[in-house]
Amino acid sequence: LGSNEAATRYSGVDTRRALVKVYILSGVLASVAGVVMMARF
């Protein structure tokens, strides 16, 4: 996706679904950081 999203889409990959997964994973990792900050302070 980062190298060439259009080529990835034409190769048969559901790029939209993959992007949703990317940002869900980013959000969950941010939440774990929120747990760590909350617990530290």
All heavy atoms as atom14 arrays in JSON, in Angstrom:
{
  "sequence": "LGSNEAATRYSGVDTRRALVKVYILSGVLASVAGVVMMARF",
  "atom14_mask": [
    [1, 1, 1, 1, 1, 1, 1, 1, 0, 0, 0, 0, 0, 0],
    [1, 1, 1, 1, 0, 0, 0, 0, 0, 0, 0, 0, 0, 0],
    [1, 1, 1, 1, 1, 1, 0, 0, 0, 0, 0, 0, 0, 0],
    [1, 1, 1, 1, 1, 1, 1, 1, 0, 0, 0, 0, 0, 0],
    [1, 1, 1, 1, 1, 1, 1, 1, 1, 0, 0, 0, 0, 0],
    [1, 1, 1, 1, 1, 0, 0, 0, 0, 0, 0, 0, 0, 0],
    [1, 1, 1, 1, 1, 0, 0, 0, 0, 0, 0, 0, 0, 0],
    [1, 1, 1, 1, 1, 1, 1, 0, 0, 0, 0, 0, 0, 0],
    [1, 1, 1, 1, 1, 1, 1, 1, 1, 1, 1, 0, 0, 0],
    [1, 1, 1, 1, 1, 1, 1, 1, 1, 1, 1, 1, 0, 0],
    [1, 1, 1, 1, 1, 1, 0, 0, 0, 0, 0, 0, 0, 0],
    [1, 1, 1, 1, 0, 0, 0, 0, 0, 0, 0, 0, 0, 0],
    [1, 1, 1, 1, 1, 1, 1, 0, 0, 0, 0, 0, 0, 0],
    [1, 1, 1, 1, 1, 1, 1, 1, 0, 0, 0, 0, 0, 0],
    [1, 1, 1, 1, 1, 1, 1, 0, 0, 0, 0, 0, 0, 0],
    [1, 1, 1, 1, 1, 1, 1, 1, 1, 1, 1, 0, 0, 0],
    [1, 1, 1, 1, 1, 1, 1, 1, 1, 1, 1, 0, 0, 0],
    [1, 1, 1, 1, 1, 0, 0, 0, 0, 0, 0, 0, 0, 0],
    [1, 1, 1, 1, 1, 1, 1, 1, 0, 0, 0, 0, 0, 0],
    [1, 1, 1, 1, 1, 1, 1, 0, 0, 0, 0, 0, 0, 0],
    [1, 1, 1, 1, 1, 1, 1, 1, 1, 0, 0, 0, 0, 0],
    [1, 1, 1, 1, 1, 1, 1, 0, 0, 0, 0, 0, 0, 0],
    [1, 1, 1, 1, 1, 1, 1, 1, 1, 1, 1, 1, 0, 0],
    [1, 1, 1, 1, 1, 1, 1, 1, 0, 0, 0, 0, 0, 0],
    [1, 1, 1, 1, 1, 1, 1, 1, 0, 0, 0, 0, 0, 0],
    [1, 1, 1, 1, 1, 1, 0, 0, 0, 0, 0, 0, 0, 0],
    [1, 1, 1, 1, 0, 0, 0, 0, 0, 0, 0, 0, 0, 0],
    [1, 1, 1, 1, 1, 1, 1, 0, 0, 0, 0, 0, 0, 0],
    [1, 1, 1, 1, 1, 1, 1, 1, 0, 0, 0, 0, 0, 0],
    [1, 1, 1, 1, 1, 0, 0, 0, 0, 0, 0, 0, 0, 0],
    [1, 1, 1, 1, 1, 1, 0, 0, 0, 0, 0, 0, 0, 0],
    [1, 1, 1, 1, 1, 1, 1, 0, 0, 0, 0, 0, 0, 0],
    [1, 1, 1, 1, 1, 0, 0, 0, 0, 0, 0, 0, 0, 0],
    [1, 1, 1, 1, 0, 0, 0, 0, 0, 0, 0, 0, 0, 0],
    [1, 1, 1, 1, 1, 1, 1, 0, 0, 0, 0, 0, 0, 0],
    [1, 1, 1, 1, 1, 1, 1, 0, 0, 0, 0, 0, 0, 0],
    [1, 1, 1, 1, 1, 1, 1, 1, 0, 0, 0, 0, 0, 0],
    [1, 1, 1, 1, 1, 1, 1, 1, 0, 0, 0, 0, 0, 0],
    [1, 1, 1, 1, 1, 0, 0, 0, 0, 0, 0, 0, 0, 0],
    [1, 1, 1, 1, 1, 1, 1, 1, 1, 1, 1, 0, 0, 0],
    [1, 1, 1, 1, 1, 1, 1, 1, 1, 1, 1, 0, 0, 0]
  ],
  "atom14_positions": [
    [[0.83, -1.21, 0.0], [0.0, 0.0, 0.0], [0.86, 1.25, 0.0], [0.59, 2.21, -0.74], [-0.9, 0.02, 1.24], [-2.2, -0.78, 1.2], [-2.84, -0.8, 2.59], [-3.16, -0.19, 0.19], [0.0, 0.0, 0.0], [0.0, 0.0, 0.0], [0.0, 0.0, 0.0], [0.0, 0.0, 0.0], [0.0, 0.0, 0.0], [0.0, 0.0, 0.0]],
    [[1.9, 1.25, 0.83], [2.77, 2.42, 0.89], [3.6, 2.6, -0.36], [3.92, 3.74, -0.74], [0.0, 0.0, 0.0], [0.0, 0.0, 0.0], [0.0, 0.0, 0.0], [0.0, 0.0, 0.0], [0.0, 0.0, 0.0], [0.0, 0.0, 0.0], [0.0, 0.0, 0.0], [0.0, 0.0, 0.0], [0.0, 0.0, 0.0], [0.0, 0.0, 0.0]],
    [[3.97, 1.49, -1.0], [4.79, 1.59, -2.2], [3.98, 2.07, -3.4], [4.4, 2.96, -4.14], [5.43, 0.23, -2.52], [6.25, -0.2, -1.45], [0.0, 0.0, 0.0], [0.0, 0.0, 0.0], [0.0, 0.0, 0.0], [0.0, 0.0, 0.0], [0.0, 0.0, 0.0], [0.0, 0.0, 0.0], [0.0, 0.0, 0.0], [0.0, 0.0, 0.0]],
    [[2.79, 1.48, -3.58], [1.95, 1.86, -4.73], [0.55, 1.33, -4.48], [0.26, 0.16, -4.73], [2.53, 1.29, -6.03], [1.87, 1.91, -7.26], [0.67, 2.13, -7.28], [2.66, 2.16, -8.29], [0.0, 0.0, 0.0], [0.0, 0.0, 0.0], [0.0, 0.0, 0.0], [0.0, 0.0, 0.0], [0.0, 0.0, 0.0], [0.0, 0.0, 0.0]],
    [[-0.33, 2.2, -4.0], [-1.68, 1.77, -3.66], [-2.47, 1.33, -4.89], [-3.2, 0.35, -4.85], [-2.43, 2.9, -2.94], [-3.82, 2.46, -2.48], [-4.56, 3.57, -1.74], [-3.92, 4.56, -1.35], [-5.79, 3.41, -1.54], [0.0, 0.0, 0.0], [0.0, 0.0, 0.0], [0.0, 0.0, 0.0], [0.0, 0.0, 0.0], [0.0, 0.0, 0.0]],
    [[-2.32, 2.06, -6.0], [-3.06, 1.72, -7.22], [-2.65, 0.34, -7.73], [-3.52, -0.49, -8.08], [-2.82, 2.77, -8.28], [0.0, 0.0, 0.0], [0.0, 0.0, 0.0], [0.0, 0.0, 0.0], [0.0, 0.0, 0.0], [0.0, 0.0, 0.0], [0.0, 0.0, 0.0], [0.0, 0.0, 0.0], [0.0, 0.0, 0.0], [0.0, 0.0, 0.0]],
    [[-1.36, 0.06, -7.77], [-0.89, -1.24, -8.23], [-1.36, -2.35, -7.3], [-1.7, -3.46, -7.74], [0.63, -1.25, -8.33], [0.0, 0.0, 0.0], [0.0, 0.0, 0.0], [0.0, 0.0, 0.0], [0.0, 0.0, 0.0], [0.0, 0.0, 0.0], [0.0, 0.0, 0.0], [0.0, 0.0, 0.0], [0.0, 0.0, 0.0], [0.0, 0.0, 0.0]],
    [[-1.39, -2.07, -6.0], [-1.87, -3.05, -5.03], [-3.35, -3.36, -5.27], [-3.77, -4.52, -5.21], [-1.68, -2.51, -3.59], [-0.31, -2.16, -3.4], [-2.09, -3.55, -2.57], [0.0, 0.0, 0.0], [0.0, 0.0, 0.0], [0.0, 0.0, 0.0], [0.0, 0.0, 0.0], [0.0, 0.0, 0.0], [0.0, 0.0, 0.0], [0.0, 0.0, 0.0]],
    [[-4.13, -2.33, -5.55], [-5.56, -2.53, -5.82], [-5.77, -3.34, -7.1], [-6.61, -4.24, -7.15], [-6.25, -1.17, -5.93], [-7.76, -1.26, -6.12], [-8.45, 0.07, -5.94], [-7.96, 1.07, -6.89], [-7.18, 2.1, -6.57], [-6.79, 2.26, -5.31], [-6.79, 2.97, -7.49], [0.0, 0.0, 0.0], [0.0, 0.0, 0.0], [0.0, 0.0, 0.0]],
    [[-4.99, -3.04, -8.15], [-5.12, -3.76, -9.41], [-4.64, -5.2, -9.31], [-5.01, -6.04, -10.15], [-4.35, -3.04, -10.52], [-4.94, -1.7, -10.89], [-4.13, -0.61, -11.16], [-6.33, -1.53, -10.97], [-4.67, 0.63, -11.5], [-6.89, -0.3, -11.3], [-6.05, 0.77, -11.56], [-6.59, 1.99, -11.89], [0.0, 0.0, 0.0], [0.0, 0.0, 0.0]],
    [[-3.84, -5.5, -8.3], [-3.37, -6.87, -8.12], [-4.4, -7.75, -7.4], [-4.16, -8.93, -7.17], [-2.06, -6.88, -7.33], [-2.27, -6.45, -5.99], [0.0, 0.0, 0.0], [0.0, 0.0, 0.0], [0.0, 0.0, 0.0], [0.0, 0.0, 0.0], [0.0, 0.0, 0.0], [0.0, 0.0, 0.0], [0.0, 0.0, 0.0], [0.0, 0.0, 0.0]],
    [[-5.54, -7.16, -7.05], [-6.63, -7.93, -6.46], [-6.78, -7.77, -4.97], [-7.63, -8.43, -4.36], [0.0, 0.0, 0.0], [0.0, 0.0, 0.0], [0.0, 0.0, 0.0], [0.0, 0.0, 0.0], [0.0, 0.0, 0.0], [0.0, 0.0, 0.0], [0.0, 0.0, 0.0], [0.0, 0.0, 0.0], [0.0, 0.0, 0.0], [0.0, 0.0, 0.0]],
    [[-6.0, -6.91, -4.35], [-6.09, -6.68, -2.92], [-7.19, -5.67, -2.61], [-7.31, -4.65, -3.3], [-4.74, -6.17, -2.36], [-4.86, -5.82, -0.88], [-3.65, -7.21, -2.57], [0.0, 0.0, 0.0], [0.0, 0.0, 0.0], [0.0, 0.0, 0.0], [0.0, 0.0, 0.0], [0.0, 0.0, 0.0], [0.0, 0.0, 0.0], [0.0, 0.0, 0.0]],
    [[-8.01, -5.96, -1.61], [-9.04, -5.02, -1.18], [-8.35, -3.93, -0.34], [-8.24, -4.03, 0.88], [-10.1, -5.73, -0.36], [-11.31, -4.85, -0.06], [-11.2, -3.62, -0.21], [-12.36, -5.39, 0.35], [0.0, 0.0, 0.0], [0.0, 0.0, 0.0], [0.0, 0.0, 0.0], [0.0, 0.0, 0.0], [0.0, 0.0, 0.0], [0.0, 0.0, 0.0]],
    [[-7.87, -2.89, -1.02], [-7.07, -1.86, -0.35], [-7.9, -1.07, 0.66], [-7.37, -0.63, 1.69], [-6.46, -0.9, -1.37], [-7.51, -0.35, -2.2], [-5.47, -1.62, -2.27], [0.0, 0.0, 0.0], [0.0, 0.0, 0.0], [0.0, 0.0, 0.0], [0.0, 0.0, 0.0], [0.0, 0.0, 0.0], [0.0, 0.0, 0.0], [0.0, 0.0, 0.0]],
    [[-9.18, -0.88, 0.4], [-10.01, -0.11, 1.33], [-10.18, -0.85, 2.65], [-10.07, -0.26, 3.73], [-11.37, 0.19, 0.69], [-11.27, 1.13, -0.52], [-12.62, 1.54, -1.04], [-13.35, 0.39, -1.6], [-14.51, 0.49, -2.24], [-15.08, 1.68, -2.41], [-15.11, -0.58, -2.71], [0.0, 0.0, 0.0], [0.0, 0.0, 0.0], [0.0, 0.0, 0.0]],
    [[-10.41, -2.14, 2.55], [-10.53, -2.93, 3.77], [-9.21, -2.95, 4.54], [-9.19, -2.86, 5.78], [-10.94, -4.36, 3.4], [-11.25, -5.24, 4.6], [-11.75, -6.59, 4.12], [-12.05, -7.48, 5.23], [-12.5, -8.72, 5.1], [-12.72, -9.2, 3.88], [-12.75, -9.46, 6.15], [0.0, 0.0, 0.0], [0.0, 0.0, 0.0], [0.0, 0.0, 0.0]],
    [[-8.1, -3.04, 3.8], [-6.79, -3.05, 4.45], [-6.53, -1.73, 5.17], [-5.97, -1.71, 6.28], [-5.7, -3.31, 3.4], [0.0, 0.0, 0.0], [0.0, 0.0, 0.0], [0.0, 0.0, 0.0], [0.0, 0.0, 0.0], [0.0, 0.0, 0.0], [0.0, 0.0, 0.0], [0.0, 0.0, 0.0], [0.0, 0.0, 0.0], [0.0, 0.0, 0.0]],
    [[-6.92, -0.61, 4.55], [-6.71, 0.7, 5.18], [-7.53, 0.83, 6.47], [-7.06, 1.42, 7.45], [-7.08, 1.82, 4.21], [-6.04, 2.17, 3.15], [-6.6, 3.17, 2.15], [-4.78, 2.74, 3.8], [0.0, 0.0, 0.0], [0.0, 0.0, 0.0], [0.0, 0.0, 0.0], [0.0, 0.0, 0.0], [0.0, 0.0, 0.0], [0.0, 0.0, 0.0]],
    [[-8.73, 0.3, 6.47], [-9.54, 0.34, 7.7], [-8.83, -0.43, 8.81], [-8.76, 0.03, 9.96], [-10.95, -0.23, 7.44], [-11.73, -0.33, 8.75], [-11.71, 0.65, 6.45], [0.0, 0.0, 0.0], [0.0, 0.0, 0.0], [0.0, 0.0, 0.0], [0.0, 0.0, 0.0], [0.0, 0.0, 0.0], [0.0, 0.0, 0.0], [0.0, 0.0, 0.0]],
    [[-8.26, -1.58, 8.47], [-7.52, -2.37, 9.46], [-6.31, -1.6, 9.98], [-5.98, -1.66, 11.17], [-7.07, -3.7, 8.85], [-8.19, -4.68, 8.57], [-7.62, -5.96, 7.99], [-8.72, -6.98, 7.7], [-8.16, -8.23, 7.08], [0.0, 0.0, 0.0], [0.0, 0.0, 0.0], [0.0, 0.0, 0.0], [0.0, 0.0, 0.0], [0.0, 0.0, 0.0]],
    [[-5.64, -0.87, 9.09], [-4.46, -0.09, 9.47], [-4.81, 0.91, 10.57], [-4.12, 1.0, 11.6], [-3.89, 0.66, 8.24], [-2.94, 1.78, 8.68], [-3.16, -0.31, 7.33], [0.0, 0.0, 0.0], [0.0, 0.0, 0.0], [0.0, 0.0, 0.0], [0.0, 0.0, 0.0], [0.0, 0.0, 0.0], [0.0, 0.0, 0.0], [0.0, 0.0, 0.0]],
    [[-5.9, 1.63, 10.39], [-6.24, 2.69, 11.36], [-6.89, 2.13, 12.61], [-6.79, 2.73, 13.68], [-7.1, 3.76, 10.67], [-6.25, 4.6, 9.76], [-6.12, 4.28, 8.41], [-5.53, 5.69, 10.24], [-5.31, 5.02, 7.57], [-4.72, 6.44, 9.41], [-4.6, 6.1, 8.08], [-3.79, 6.84, 7.25], [0.0, 0.0, 0.0], [0.0, 0.0, 0.0]],
    [[-7.56, 0.97, 12.5], [-8.05, 0.31, 13.72], [-6.87, -0.12, 14.58], [-6.85, 0.1, 15.81], [-8.93, -0.91, 13.38], [-10.26, -0.45, 12.78], [-9.17, -1.76, 14.62], [-11.15, -1.58, 12.31], [0.0, 0.0, 0.0], [0.0, 0.0, 0.0], [0.0, 0.0, 0.0], [0.0, 0.0, 0.0], [0.0, 0.0, 0.0], [0.0, 0.0, 0.0]],
    [[-5.85, -0.72, 13.96], [-4.67, -1.15, 14.7], [-3.95, 0.04, 15.32], [-3.5, -0.01, 16.48], [-3.72, -1.91, 13.77], [-2.42, -2.43, 14.37], [-2.7, -3.33, 15.57], [-1.6, -3.18, 13.32], [0.0, 0.0, 0.0], [0.0, 0.0, 0.0], [0.0, 0.0, 0.0], [0.0, 0.0, 0.0], [0.0, 0.0, 0.0], [0.0, 0.0, 0.0]],
    [[-3.86, 1.14, 14.58], [-3.24, 2.35, 15.1], [-3.99, 2.87, 16.33], [-3.4, 3.25, 17.34], [-3.19, 3.44, 14.02], [-2.64, 4.64, 14.52], [0.0, 0.0, 0.0], [0.0, 0.0, 0.0], [0.0, 0.0, 0.0], [0.0, 0.0, 0.0], [0.0, 0.0, 0.0], [0.0, 0.0, 0.0], [0.0, 0.0, 0.0], [0.0, 0.0, 0.0]],
    [[-5.32, 2.86, 16.26], [-6.13, 3.32, 17.38], [-5.98, 2.44, 18.61], [-5.88, 2.94, 19.74], [0.0, 0.0, 0.0], [0.0, 0.0, 0.0], [0.0, 0.0, 0.0], [0.0, 0.0, 0.0], [0.0, 0.0, 0.0], [0.0, 0.0, 0.0], [0.0, 0.0, 0.0], [0.0, 0.0, 0.0], [0.0, 0.0, 0.0], [0.0, 0.0, 0.0]],
    [[-5.94, 1.11, 18.41], [-5.8, 0.19, 19.55], [-4.45, 0.37, 20.22], [-4.34, 0.38, 21.46], [-6.0, -1.27, 19.08], [-5.63, -2.25, 20.19], [-7.45, -1.49, 18.64], [0.0, 0.0, 0.0], [0.0, 0.0, 0.0], [0.0, 0.0, 0.0], [0.0, 0.0, 0.0], [0.0, 0.0, 0.0], [0.0, 0.0, 0.0], [0.0, 0.0, 0.0]],
    [[-3.38, 0.52, 19.42], [-2.06, 0.76, 19.99], [-2.03, 2.07, 20.78], [-1.42, 2.15, 21.85], [-1.0, 0.77, 18.89], [-0.65, -0.59, 18.27], [0.21, -0.41, 17.03], [0.07, -1.47, 19.29], [0.0, 0.0, 0.0], [0.0, 0.0, 0.0], [0.0, 0.0, 0.0], [0.0, 0.0, 0.0], [0.0, 0.0, 0.0], [0.0, 0.0, 0.0]],
    [[-2.69, 3.1, 20.24], [-2.77, 4.37, 20.97], [-3.49, 4.19, 22.29], [-3.12, 4.8, 23.31], [-3.49, 5.42, 20.11], [0.0, 0.0, 0.0], [0.0, 0.0, 0.0], [0.0, 0.0, 0.0], [0.0, 0.0, 0.0], [0.0, 0.0, 0.0], [0.0, 0.0, 0.0], [0.0, 0.0, 0.0], [0.0, 0.0, 0.0], [0.0, 0.0, 0.0]],
    [[-4.51, 3.34, 22.31], [-5.25, 3.09, 23.55], [-4.36, 2.41, 24.6], [-4.45, 2.73, 25.79], [-6.47, 2.21, 23.26], [-7.18, 1.94, 24.45], [0.0, 0.0, 0.0], [0.0, 0.0, 0.0], [0.0, 0.0, 0.0], [0.0, 0.0, 0.0], [0.0, 0.0, 0.0], [0.0, 0.0, 0.0], [0.0, 0.0, 0.0], [0.0, 0.0, 0.0]],
    [[-3.51, 1.48, 24.16], [-2.58, 0.84, 25.1], [-1.63, 1.89, 25.69], [-1.33, 1.87, 26.89], [-1.78, -0.27, 24.4], [-0.76, -0.88, 25.37], [-2.71, -1.35, 23.87], [0.0, 0.0, 0.0], [0.0, 0.0, 0.0], [0.0, 0.0, 0.0], [0.0, 0.0, 0.0], [0.0, 0.0, 0.0], [0.0, 0.0, 0.0], [0.0, 0.0, 0.0]],
    [[-1.18, 2.83, 24.84], [-0.36, 3.92, 25.35], [-1.14, 4.75, 26.37], [-0.58, 5.24, 27.36], [0.12, 4.81, 24.2], [0.0, 0.0, 0.0], [0.0, 0.0, 0.0], [0.0, 0.0, 0.0], [0.0, 0.0, 0.0], [0.0, 0.0, 0.0], [0.0, 0.0, 0.0], [0.0, 0.0, 0.0], [0.0, 0.0, 0.0], [0.0, 0.0, 0.0]],
    [[-2.43, 4.92, 26.12], [-3.28, 5.63, 27.08], [-3.34, 4.92, 28.42], [-3.32, 5.56, 29.48], [0.0, 0.0, 0.0], [0.0, 0.0, 0.0], [0.0, 0.0, 0.0], [0.0, 0.0, 0.0], [0.0, 0.0, 0.0], [0.0, 0.0, 0.0], [0.0, 0.0, 0.0], [0.0, 0.0, 0.0], [0.0, 0.0, 0.0], [0.0, 0.0, 0.0]],
    [[-3.41, 3.59, 28.41], [-3.38, 2.81, 29.65], [-2.08, 3.06, 30.41], [-2.07, 3.28, 31.63], [-3.53, 1.3, 29.35], [-3.36, 0.49, 30.63], [-4.88, 1.0, 28.71], [0.0, 0.0, 0.0], [0.0, 0.0, 0.0], [0.0, 0.0, 0.0], [0.0, 0.0, 0.0], [0.0, 0.0, 0.0], [0.0, 0.0, 0.0], [0.0, 0.0, 0.0]],
    [[-0.96, 3.04, 29.66], [0.36, 3.21, 30.29], [0.47, 4.61, 30.92], [0.92, 4.75, 32.07], [1.47, 3.0, 29.25], [2.83, 3.43, 29.8], [1.52, 1.53, 28.83], [0.0, 0.0, 0.0], [0.0, 0.0, 0.0], [0.0, 0.0, 0.0], [0.0, 0.0, 0.0], [0.0, 0.0, 0.0], [0.0, 0.0, 0.0], [0.0, 0.0, 0.0]],
    [[0.05, 5.65, 30.18], [0.14, 7.01, 30.72], [-0.76, 7.18, 31.93], [-0.38, 7.76, 32.95], [-0.21, 8.03, 29.63], [0.84, 8.18, 28.55], [0.58, 9.61, 27.46], [-0.89, 9.09, 26.57], [0.0, 0.0, 0.0], [0.0, 0.0, 0.0], [0.0, 0.0, 0.0], [0.0, 0.0, 0.0], [0.0, 0.0, 0.0], [0.0, 0.0, 0.0]],
    [[-1.99, 6.67, 31.83], [-2.93, 6.76, 32.93], [-2.4, 6.06, 34.18], [-2.49, 6.58, 35.3], [-4.26, 6.12, 32.5], [-5.32, 6.06, 33.58], [-6.79, 5.14, 33.03], [-6.15, 3.46, 33.07], [0.0, 0.0, 0.0], [0.0, 0.0, 0.0], [0.0, 0.0, 0.0], [0.0, 0.0, 0.0], [0.0, 0.0, 0.0], [0.0, 0.0, 0.0]],
    [[-1.8, 4.88, 33.98], [-1.28, 4.12, 35.1], [-0.04, 4.79, 35.71], [0.13, 4.79, 36.93], [-0.94, 2.7, 34.65], [0.0, 0.0, 0.0], [0.0, 0.0, 0.0], [0.0, 0.0, 0.0], [0.0, 0.0, 0.0], [0.0, 0.0, 0.0], [0.0, 0.0, 0.0], [0.0, 0.0, 0.0], [0.0, 0.0, 0.0], [0.0, 0.0, 0.0]],
    [[0.82, 5.36, 34.86], [2.04, 6.01, 35.37], [1.71, 7.23, 36.22], [2.29, 7.45, 37.27], [2.93, 6.45, 34.2], [3.88, 5.38, 33.7], [4.99, 5.98, 32.9], [5.88, 6.75, 33.75], [6.46, 7.88, 33.41], [6.22, 8.43, 32.23], [7.27, 8.5, 34.24], [0.0, 0.0, 0.0], [0.0, 0.0, 0.0], [0.0, 0.0, 0.0]],
    [[0.75, 8.03, 35.75], [0.43, 9.28, 36.45], [-0.67, 9.1, 37.5], [-0.96, 10.03, 38.24], [-0.01, 10.35, 35.45], [1.0, 10.62, 34.36], [0.6, 10.81, 33.05], [2.36, 10.69, 34.65], [1.53, 11.05, 32.05], [3.29, 10.95, 33.66], [2.87, 11.12, 32.36], [0.0, 0.0, 0.0], [0.0, 0.0, 0.0], [0.0, 0.0, 0.0]]
  ]
}
